[in-house]
């Protein structure tokens, strides 16, 4: 039997998982340490990247509490350690835990916290977190919570709640009169959450959520506040927001196969380079968000070339279906089957799409079944659904590329009893006339849109 079972809940963490596993195995010489990775992605995008054959690999529905419970149910170790993928254990961590639990009065505990950053403000935040956990005896999940397995089972494990599952467990232990020990050695957790959303903003959001939790606000409502809070901050995609997803439809930029109407105006070569700029500019915008991003591509044999071009930071999935409607329907169905609660889909024809339109789309899905972003040519630049409100009929019997796509889709949704949120009208780029619009309205200053503006000038000169 294992002495320890380390349970690691993950979602879209292929880049970090092997580093974490190597760190654990390097510290486990004196003990038998079982490593269990529980992937919240139904396709197993993280566990498929694991190179250590001894690791136990499990798949679960999305939700850290659910994932950790599934891992604990499979565990054989006498002591459970719940570890975040971006939190590194201190030296001799397992020996420290073992010695701590020799005291039979102690049922579990955690380590002190440090943040992997030289920024003074983050050092202060880590210091305050250490003081807080020592005073309250309620550590957070990123402090590597450990507990006797039998005790964890007797207390009912983690509750299946979308947020604060770690605090809930520690409060129940404390309420039962059992002892939690905070060890002085420090885990080192990544600073990525603070760096990607802004240090002050993230800290304030965390404290507001904590205060509301202690005031009795339900975890479901807190999760809604958290989602809205994330969209307001300075964010970049790291896959940590489990309930939301962006589906990005992309074509491989083969000459003569993309933006054929525009190619008639400015030529095939310029159009192909322009389409590449569209994709890169949108990917740059989408990467500012904390939503998991799924790149659905066509044709299905170009996956490796796309990764070479766009990088492997996101999940790449081949589009399935013999027309656009079926491909979109299948993408939504697959995304919802893998546990996401809300999803929006955009194409690559609106490179200057304002980022706050995505925020508004998800805000609409808090109350509506569906959301649509109408184009000024009668189509739509964005469509989104909640899992419960998904309507596959919205993709049937539509004449794609016509000026009636938006109205017909809206009517189908209404006729099927779906509530709809509407975004502001925007434009997509199909021909030279549309290209002049992006030149007038462009707000981005990055090199991609500078290239687009140059091409737009070439159109006006008739080249």
Protein backbone atom coordinates (compact mmCIF):
# COMPACT_ATOMS: atom_id res chain seq x y z
CA UNK A 1 0.00 0.00 0.00
CA UNK A 2 1.15 3.52 -0.75
CA UNK A 3 2.16 5.77 2.13
CA UNK A 4 0.92 8.83 0.24
CA UNK A 5 -1.49 9.50 -2.59
CA UNK A 6 -0.98 12.86 -4.28
CA UNK A 7 -4.16 13.96 -6.08
CA UNK A 8 -3.71 16.62 -8.77
CA UNK A 9 -6.87 18.08 -10.39
CA UNK A 10 -6.12 19.57 -13.82
CA UNK A 11 -7.78 21.23 -16.79
CA UNK A 12 -5.77 22.11 -19.92
CA UNK A 13 -2.41 21.93 -18.11
CA UNK A 14 -0.35 19.83 -20.53
CA UNK A 15 2.56 22.25 -20.31
CA UNK A 16 2.94 22.00 -16.52
CA UNK A 17 1.96 18.45 -15.60
CA UNK A 18 5.23 16.62 -16.30
CA UNK A 19 7.24 19.22 -14.39
CA UNK A 20 4.98 18.71 -11.38
CA UNK A 21 5.21 14.92 -11.58
CA UNK A 22 9.01 15.09 -11.78
CA UNK A 23 9.14 17.34 -8.72
CA UNK A 24 7.01 14.89 -6.72
CA UNK A 25 8.99 11.79 -7.72
CA UNK A 26 12.29 13.51 -6.87
CA UNK A 27 11.06 13.97 -3.27
CA UNK A 28 9.55 10.54 -2.73
CA UNK A 29 12.62 8.35 -2.18
CA UNK A 30 11.86 7.46 1.45
CA UNK A 31 8.17 6.76 0.90
CA UNK A 32 5.89 5.03 -1.55
CA UNK A 33 4.10 7.94 -3.20
CA UNK A 34 1.22 7.32 -5.58
CA UNK A 35 0.47 10.13 -8.05
CA UNK A 36 -3.11 10.49 -9.30
CA UNK A 37 -3.94 13.06 -11.99
CA UNK A 38 -7.64 13.77 -12.54
CA UNK A 39 -8.37 15.55 -15.82
CA UNK A 40 -11.49 17.71 -16.08
CA UNK A 41 -11.27 17.59 -19.87
CA UNK A 42 -13.26 14.64 -21.23
CA UNK A 43 -10.70 14.21 -24.00
CA UNK A 44 -7.90 13.94 -21.44
CA UNK A 45 -5.83 16.73 -22.98
CA UNK A 46 -3.57 16.91 -19.90
CA UNK A 47 -3.23 13.23 -18.97
CA UNK A 48 -2.41 12.38 -22.60
CA UNK A 49 0.75 14.50 -22.19
CA UNK A 50 2.00 12.57 -19.13
CA UNK A 51 5.21 10.64 -19.83
CA UNK A 52 5.47 8.74 -16.52
CA UNK A 53 3.72 5.39 -16.94
CA UNK A 54 3.33 4.89 -13.17
CA UNK A 55 0.95 7.83 -12.79
CA UNK A 56 -2.72 6.98 -12.27
CA UNK A 57 -4.73 8.86 -14.91
CA UNK A 58 -8.43 9.56 -14.41
CA UNK A 59 -11.06 11.61 -16.22
CA UNK A 60 -13.82 13.50 -14.43
CA UNK A 61 -16.43 16.14 -15.02
CA UNK A 62 -15.15 19.69 -14.64
CA UNK A 63 -14.94 20.94 -11.05
CA UNK A 64 -12.02 20.81 -8.65
CA UNK A 65 -14.06 19.32 -5.79
CA UNK A 66 -15.43 16.54 -8.00
CA UNK A 67 -12.01 15.84 -9.47
CA UNK A 68 -10.35 15.59 -6.06
CA UNK A 69 -13.09 13.32 -4.71
CA UNK A 70 -12.68 10.97 -7.68
CA UNK A 71 -8.93 10.89 -7.12
CA UNK A 72 -9.35 10.25 -3.40
CA UNK A 73 -11.78 7.40 -4.07
CA UNK A 74 -9.14 5.71 -6.24
CA UNK A 75 -6.28 6.43 -3.83
CA UNK A 76 -4.47 3.69 -1.90
CA UNK A 77 -2.29 5.86 0.31
CA UNK A 78 -2.91 6.29 4.02
CA UNK A 79 -2.34 10.03 3.60
CA UNK A 80 -3.92 12.16 0.88
CA UNK A 81 -2.15 15.25 -0.48
CA UNK A 82 -4.25 17.56 -2.68
CA UNK A 83 -1.87 19.50 -4.88
CA UNK A 84 -2.42 22.16 -7.54
CA UNK A 85 -0.43 21.65 -10.72
CA UNK A 86 1.29 25.04 -10.35
CA UNK A 87 2.24 24.61 -6.68
CA UNK A 88 5.61 23.05 -5.86
CA UNK A 89 6.11 21.18 -2.59
CA UNK A 90 8.99 22.12 -0.25
CA UNK A 91 12.01 19.90 0.23
CA UNK A 92 11.31 16.79 2.36
CA UNK A 93 7.58 17.54 2.14
CA UNK A 94 6.52 13.93 2.62
CA UNK A 95 8.78 13.44 5.63
CA UNK A 96 7.39 16.65 7.14
CA UNK A 97 3.81 15.46 6.63
CA UNK A 98 4.60 11.99 7.98
CA UNK A 99 6.17 13.42 11.15
CA UNK A 100 3.27 15.86 11.58
CA UNK A 101 0.69 13.08 11.46
CA UNK A 102 2.54 10.95 14.01
CA UNK A 103 0.54 13.10 16.40
CA UNK A 104 -2.77 11.25 16.36
CA UNK A 105 -4.59 14.40 17.47
CA UNK A 106 -3.79 15.98 14.07
CA UNK A 107 -6.03 14.89 11.21
CA UNK A 108 -4.49 16.99 8.47
CA UNK A 109 -2.89 20.25 7.57
CA UNK A 110 -1.08 22.30 4.94
CA UNK A 111 2.12 24.25 4.36
CA UNK A 112 2.87 27.93 4.56
CA UNK A 113 2.56 29.78 1.25
CA UNK A 114 5.06 31.57 -0.93
CA UNK A 115 4.49 33.05 -4.39
CA UNK A 116 7.00 32.57 -7.18
CA UNK A 117 7.72 36.24 -7.81
CA UNK A 118 10.20 38.92 -6.78
CA UNK A 119 7.52 41.63 -6.80
CA UNK A 120 7.23 43.32 -3.41
CA UNK A 121 3.45 43.40 -3.50
CA UNK A 122 3.23 39.66 -4.09
CA UNK A 123 5.71 39.08 -1.27
CA UNK A 124 3.41 41.08 1.01
CA UNK A 125 0.37 39.11 -0.18
CA UNK A 126 2.15 35.82 0.55
CA UNK A 127 3.15 37.06 4.01
CA UNK A 128 -0.42 38.09 4.80
CA UNK A 129 -1.68 34.70 3.58
CA UNK A 130 0.72 32.94 5.95
CA UNK A 131 -0.46 35.03 8.88
CA UNK A 132 -4.12 34.49 7.97
CA UNK A 133 -3.86 30.70 7.75
CA UNK A 134 -1.99 30.50 11.05
CA UNK A 135 -4.57 32.63 12.86
CA UNK A 136 -7.67 31.02 11.35
CA UNK A 137 -6.23 27.48 10.96
CA UNK A 138 -8.03 27.38 7.61
CA UNK A 139 -5.55 26.96 4.75
CA UNK A 140 -6.39 27.37 1.06
CA UNK A 141 -6.05 24.75 -1.65
CA UNK A 142 -2.83 26.20 -3.04
CA UNK A 143 -1.11 25.44 0.29
CA UNK A 144 -1.08 21.69 -0.50
CA UNK A 145 -3.76 20.42 1.89
CA UNK A 146 -3.06 16.97 3.34
CA UNK A 147 -5.35 14.73 5.40
CA UNK A 148 -5.60 11.15 6.59
CA UNK A 149 -7.52 9.18 3.95
CA UNK A 150 -9.86 7.45 6.41
CA UNK A 151 -10.67 10.75 8.07
CA UNK A 152 -11.32 12.38 4.67
CA UNK A 153 -13.80 9.60 3.89
CA UNK A 154 -15.48 9.88 7.28
CA UNK A 155 -16.09 13.61 6.93
CA UNK A 156 -17.59 13.24 3.47
CA UNK A 157 -14.75 14.56 1.31
CA UNK A 158 -15.08 17.76 -0.67
CA UNK A 159 -18.52 19.13 -1.33
CA UNK A 160 -19.56 19.31 -4.99
CA UNK A 161 -19.59 23.09 -5.12
CA UNK A 162 -18.15 25.35 -7.85
CA UNK A 163 -16.00 27.48 -5.53
CA UNK A 164 -14.55 27.50 -2.00
CA UNK A 165 -14.46 23.70 -1.72
CA UNK A 166 -11.13 23.89 0.15
CA UNK A 167 -12.40 26.41 2.73
CA UNK A 168 -15.58 24.40 3.20
CA UNK A 169 -13.60 21.24 3.99
CA UNK A 170 -11.31 23.03 6.46
CA UNK A 171 -14.24 24.73 8.19
CA UNK A 172 -16.02 21.38 8.62
CA UNK A 173 -12.89 19.87 10.14
CA UNK A 174 -12.53 22.81 12.49
CA UNK A 175 -16.22 22.70 13.40
CA UNK A 176 -15.84 19.00 14.27
CA UNK A 177 -13.21 20.00 16.82
CA UNK A 178 -10.37 18.24 15.00
CA UNK A 179 -6.89 19.66 14.67
CA UNK A 180 -5.26 21.10 11.55
CA UNK A 181 -1.51 21.76 11.57
CA UNK A 182 0.09 24.50 9.44
CA UNK A 183 3.69 23.50 8.72
CA UNK A 184 6.25 26.33 8.54
CA UNK A 185 7.88 25.04 5.36
CA UNK A 186 6.58 26.85 2.29
CA UNK A 187 5.05 25.62 -0.91
CA UNK A 188 5.80 27.83 -3.91
CA UNK A 189 2.78 28.64 -6.03
CA UNK A 190 2.85 30.26 -9.44
CA UNK A 191 2.22 33.99 -9.74
CA UNK A 192 0.38 33.52 -13.03
CA UNK A 193 -3.07 34.35 -11.64
CA UNK A 194 -1.89 37.69 -10.29
CA UNK A 195 0.30 38.50 -13.28
CA UNK A 196 -2.36 37.75 -15.87
CA UNK A 197 -5.23 39.59 -14.20
CA UNK A 198 -3.33 42.26 -12.30
CA UNK A 199 -2.00 41.89 -8.75
CA UNK A 200 -4.20 44.43 -6.99
CA UNK A 201 -7.32 43.50 -8.95
CA UNK A 202 -6.90 39.76 -8.29
CA UNK A 203 -6.22 40.28 -4.59
CA UNK A 204 -9.26 42.54 -4.20
CA UNK A 205 -11.48 40.06 -6.06
CA UNK A 206 -10.25 37.21 -3.84
CA UNK A 207 -10.92 39.19 -0.66
CA UNK A 208 -14.40 40.21 -1.80
CA UNK A 209 -15.27 36.59 -2.56
CA UNK A 210 -13.88 35.48 0.79
CA UNK A 211 -15.91 38.11 2.66
CA UNK A 212 -19.09 37.15 0.81
CA UNK A 213 -18.43 33.48 1.56
CA UNK A 214 -18.16 34.16 5.30
CA UNK A 215 -21.32 36.27 5.08
CA UNK A 216 -23.16 33.21 3.82
CA UNK A 217 -23.42 33.85 0.07
CA UNK A 218 -23.87 30.53 -1.71
CA UNK A 219 -20.95 29.03 -3.70
CA UNK A 220 -23.08 29.10 -6.88
CA UNK A 221 -23.57 32.87 -6.58
CA UNK A 222 -19.91 33.32 -5.72
CA UNK A 223 -18.97 31.40 -8.87
CA UNK A 224 -21.11 33.79 -10.92
CA UNK A 225 -19.41 36.79 -9.30
CA UNK A 226 -16.03 35.17 -9.95
CA UNK A 227 -16.81 34.67 -13.65
CA UNK A 228 -17.92 38.27 -14.06
CA UNK A 229 -14.92 39.45 -12.07
CA UNK A 230 -12.50 37.57 -14.29
CA UNK A 231 -13.87 39.15 -17.43
CA UNK A 232 -13.37 42.64 -15.97
CA UNK A 233 -9.72 42.19 -15.11
CA UNK A 234 -6.52 42.18 -17.11
CA UNK A 235 -6.57 38.53 -18.07
CA UNK A 236 -4.83 35.98 -20.22
CA UNK A 237 -5.92 32.46 -20.97
CA UNK A 238 -4.44 29.87 -18.64
CA UNK A 239 -7.44 27.49 -18.62
CA UNK A 240 -8.27 27.97 -15.01
CA UNK A 241 -11.85 29.03 -15.52
CA UNK A 242 -13.62 25.70 -15.82
CA UNK A 243 -17.19 26.63 -16.77
CA UNK A 244 -16.63 28.97 -19.74
CA UNK A 245 -15.21 28.19 -23.14
CA UNK A 246 -14.45 30.02 -26.38
CA UNK A 247 -14.67 28.07 -29.65
CA UNK A 248 -12.57 29.62 -32.41
CA UNK A 249 -13.22 28.43 -35.98
CA UNK A 250 -10.12 28.59 -38.20
CA UNK A 251 -9.18 27.47 -41.71
CA UNK A 252 -5.70 26.51 -42.78
CA UNK A 253 -4.59 29.54 -44.90
CA UNK A 254 -4.12 27.75 -48.21
CA UNK A 255 -3.90 30.05 -51.20
CA UNK A 256 -7.13 30.13 -53.14
CA UNK A 257 -9.11 28.38 -50.37
CA UNK A 258 -9.81 31.23 -47.95
CA UNK A 259 -11.66 34.54 -48.39
CA UNK A 260 -12.34 33.87 -52.07
CA UNK A 261 -14.58 36.94 -52.50
CA UNK A 262 -11.88 39.20 -51.14
CA UNK A 263 -9.28 37.50 -53.33
CA UNK A 264 -11.15 38.73 -56.40
CA UNK A 265 -10.48 42.31 -55.23
CA UNK A 266 -6.90 42.21 -53.92
CA UNK A 267 -5.44 38.97 -55.26
CA UNK A 268 -4.90 35.50 -53.82
CA UNK A 269 -1.49 36.07 -52.22
CA UNK A 270 -2.48 39.27 -50.40
CA UNK A 271 -5.74 37.70 -49.29
CA UNK A 272 -3.93 34.69 -47.82
CA UNK A 273 -1.54 36.92 -45.88
CA UNK A 274 -4.46 39.04 -44.77
CA UNK A 275 -6.35 36.00 -43.50
CA UNK A 276 -3.27 34.92 -41.53
CA UNK A 277 -3.29 38.37 -39.92
CA UNK A 278 -6.98 38.01 -39.09
CA UNK A 279 -6.33 34.75 -37.26
CA UNK A 280 -3.25 35.99 -35.40
CA UNK A 281 -4.92 39.22 -34.33
CA UNK A 282 -7.99 37.41 -33.00
CA UNK A 283 -5.85 34.82 -31.26
CA UNK A 284 -3.90 37.63 -29.61
CA UNK A 285 -7.17 39.18 -28.39
CA UNK A 286 -8.63 35.87 -27.19
CA UNK A 287 -5.43 35.04 -25.32
CA UNK A 288 -6.07 37.98 -22.99
CA UNK A 289 -8.96 36.11 -21.44
CA UNK A 290 -9.06 33.49 -18.75
CA UNK A 291 -11.40 31.24 -20.74
CA UNK A 292 -10.22 27.90 -22.11
CA UNK A 293 -9.82 28.34 -25.87
CA UNK A 294 -10.63 25.50 -28.27
CA UNK A 295 -9.38 26.02 -31.82
CA UNK A 296 -11.61 24.07 -34.22
CA UNK A 297 -9.85 23.81 -37.56
CA UNK A 298 -10.36 22.63 -41.11
CA UNK A 299 -9.21 20.67 -43.05
CA UNK A 300 -8.67 17.91 -40.53
CA UNK A 301 -5.24 16.89 -41.85
CA UNK A 302 -3.57 20.23 -40.99
CA UNK A 303 -3.33 19.95 -37.20
CA UNK A 304 0.48 19.75 -37.02
CA UNK A 305 0.92 22.65 -39.43
CA UNK A 306 -1.52 24.77 -37.42
CA UNK A 307 0.35 24.05 -34.18
CA UNK A 308 3.65 25.00 -35.85
CA UNK A 309 2.01 28.25 -36.92
CA UNK A 310 -0.10 29.17 -33.90
CA UNK A 311 1.72 27.36 -31.07
CA UNK A 312 0.41 24.62 -28.80
CA UNK A 313 -0.97 26.74 -25.96
CA UNK A 314 -4.54 25.85 -26.86
CA UNK A 315 -6.57 22.76 -27.67
CA UNK A 316 -6.78 21.98 -31.40
CA UNK A 317 -9.77 19.97 -32.61
CA UNK A 318 -10.74 19.08 -36.18
CA UNK A 319 -14.12 20.34 -37.37
CA UNK A 320 -16.60 17.58 -38.19
CA UNK A 321 -19.50 17.90 -40.63
CA UNK A 322 -20.24 18.41 -44.31
CA UNK A 323 -21.39 22.03 -43.99
CA UNK A 324 -20.81 25.01 -41.68
CA UNK A 325 -24.00 24.44 -39.69
CA UNK A 326 -23.18 20.83 -38.85
CA UNK A 327 -19.61 21.75 -37.97
CA UNK A 328 -20.77 24.44 -35.53
CA UNK A 329 -23.44 22.18 -34.03
CA UNK A 330 -20.92 19.37 -33.52
CA UNK A 331 -18.41 21.74 -31.91
CA UNK A 332 -20.98 22.95 -29.36
CA UNK A 333 -22.20 19.41 -28.63
CA UNK A 334 -18.66 18.15 -28.06
CA UNK A 335 -17.80 21.11 -25.83
CA UNK A 336 -20.89 20.64 -23.65
CA UNK A 337 -20.35 16.88 -23.43
CA UNK A 338 -16.93 17.62 -21.94
CA UNK A 339 -18.45 19.50 -19.02
CA UNK A 340 -18.48 23.18 -19.99
CA UNK A 341 -21.54 25.16 -18.91
CA UNK A 342 -21.27 28.13 -21.28
CA UNK A 343 -19.65 28.39 -24.70
CA UNK A 344 -19.41 31.02 -27.40
CA UNK A 345 -18.23 30.51 -30.96
CA UNK A 346 -16.56 33.05 -33.22
CA UNK A 347 -15.01 32.80 -36.65
CA UNK A 348 -11.95 34.50 -38.08
CA UNK A 349 -13.68 37.16 -40.20
CA UNK A 350 -13.88 39.99 -37.63
CA UNK A 351 -10.26 40.68 -36.61
CA UNK A 352 -11.07 43.98 -34.88
CA UNK A 353 -13.81 42.50 -32.70
CA UNK A 354 -13.86 44.48 -29.43
CA UNK A 355 -12.80 42.29 -26.47
CA UNK A 356 -15.65 43.58 -24.32
CA UNK A 357 -18.11 41.93 -26.73
CA UNK A 358 -16.95 38.57 -25.36
CA UNK A 359 -17.52 39.82 -21.83
CA UNK A 360 -21.02 40.92 -22.78
CA UNK A 361 -21.69 37.57 -24.43
CA UNK A 362 -20.94 35.63 -21.24
CA UNK A 363 -22.84 38.13 -19.13
CA UNK A 364 -25.87 37.52 -21.33
CA UNK A 365 -25.53 33.77 -20.83
CA UNK A 366 -25.83 34.28 -17.08
CA UNK A 367 -29.53 34.90 -17.69
CA UNK A 368 -30.26 33.86 -21.29
CA UNK A 369 -30.21 30.52 -23.10
CA UNK A 370 -28.39 31.91 -26.13
CA UNK A 371 -26.53 34.99 -27.34
CA UNK A 372 -26.09 36.35 -30.87
CA UNK A 373 -23.80 39.02 -32.29
CA UNK A 374 -25.37 40.33 -35.53
CA UNK A 375 -23.29 41.44 -38.51
CA UNK A 376 -24.24 44.41 -40.63
CA UNK A 377 -24.50 42.11 -43.67
CA UNK A 378 -27.26 39.94 -42.16
CA UNK A 379 -25.07 37.21 -40.69
CA UNK A 380 -23.63 36.90 -37.19
CA UNK A 381 -20.07 37.17 -35.86
CA UNK A 382 -20.76 35.32 -32.59
CA UNK A 383 -23.17 32.72 -31.29
CA UNK A 384 -23.23 31.25 -27.80
CA UNK A 385 -25.27 28.95 -25.60
CA UNK A 386 -25.57 27.73 -22.06
CA UNK A 387 -25.38 23.95 -21.80
CA UNK A 388 -29.04 23.71 -20.80
CA UNK A 389 -30.16 26.18 -23.44
CA UNK A 390 -28.33 24.63 -26.38
CA UNK A 391 -30.53 24.40 -29.48
CA UNK A 392 -29.09 22.24 -32.32
CA UNK A 393 -31.99 23.31 -34.57
CA UNK A 394 -30.35 26.74 -34.83
CA UNK A 395 -27.89 25.26 -37.34
CA UNK A 396 -30.38 23.49 -39.59
CA UNK A 397 -31.91 24.70 -42.88
CA UNK A 398 -29.83 27.89 -42.93
CA UNK A 399 -28.53 29.31 -46.20
CA UNK A 400 -25.02 30.13 -45.00
CA UNK A 401 -23.49 33.25 -46.49
CA UNK A 402 -26.86 34.83 -47.20
CA UNK A 403 -28.26 38.02 -45.68
CA UNK A 404 -30.91 36.15 -43.71
CA UNK A 405 -28.69 34.05 -41.42
CA UNK A 406 -29.10 36.21 -38.32
CA UNK A 407 -32.87 36.72 -38.57
CA UNK A 408 -33.58 33.09 -39.38
CA UNK A 409 -31.38 31.87 -36.52
CA UNK A 410 -33.05 34.28 -34.11
CA UNK A 411 -36.49 33.09 -35.22
CA UNK A 412 -35.54 29.43 -34.80
CA UNK A 413 -34.30 30.06 -31.26
CA UNK A 414 -37.44 31.99 -30.36
CA UNK A 415 -39.71 29.32 -31.84
CA UNK A 416 -37.94 26.69 -29.74
CA UNK A 417 -38.52 28.66 -26.55
CA UNK A 418 -34.97 29.93 -26.07
CA UNK A 419 -34.30 33.31 -24.50
CA UNK A 420 -31.77 35.35 -26.49
CA UNK A 421 -29.27 38.05 -25.57
CA UNK A 422 -28.21 40.37 -28.40
CA UNK A 423 -24.81 42.03 -28.78
CA UNK A 424 -24.06 45.25 -30.71
CA UNK A 425 -23.98 45.06 -34.51
CA UNK A 426 -20.47 44.60 -35.91
CA UNK A 427 -18.93 43.73 -39.28
CA UNK A 428 -17.01 40.90 -40.86
CA UNK A 429 -14.59 41.08 -43.76
CA UNK A 430 -15.75 39.45 -46.98
CA UNK A 431 -14.69 41.89 -49.72
CA UNK A 432 -12.74 45.06 -50.39
CA UNK A 433 -15.59 47.27 -49.20
CA UNK A 434 -15.54 45.49 -45.82
CA UNK A 435 -11.78 45.91 -45.67
CA UNK A 436 -12.17 49.68 -45.83
CA UNK A 437 -14.41 49.45 -42.74
CA UNK A 438 -11.70 47.85 -40.68
CA UNK A 439 -9.31 50.59 -41.77
CA UNK A 440 -11.73 53.22 -40.47
CA UNK A 441 -12.65 51.41 -37.25
CA UNK A 442 -9.44 49.66 -36.23
CA UNK A 443 -8.46 50.38 -32.64
CA UNK A 444 -5.61 47.90 -32.22
CA UNK A 445 -2.07 49.22 -32.57
CA UNK A 446 -0.31 45.90 -32.98
CA UNK A 447 1.64 44.97 -36.03
CA UNK A 448 -1.08 42.69 -37.37
CA UNK A 449 -3.58 45.50 -37.82
CA UNK A 450 -0.88 47.77 -39.23
CA UNK A 451 -0.43 45.14 -41.93
CA UNK A 452 -4.20 45.11 -42.47
CA UNK A 453 -4.28 48.89 -42.83
CA UNK A 454 -1.50 48.73 -45.43
CA UNK A 455 -3.48 46.21 -47.44
CA UNK A 456 -6.59 48.36 -47.09
CA UNK A 457 -4.67 51.30 -48.61
CA UNK A 458 -3.63 49.06 -51.46
CA UNK A 459 -7.29 48.31 -52.12
CA UNK A 460 -8.12 52.03 -52.29
CA UNK A 461 -5.28 52.52 -54.78
CA UNK A 462 -6.74 49.73 -56.89
CA UNK A 463 -3.71 47.46 -56.55
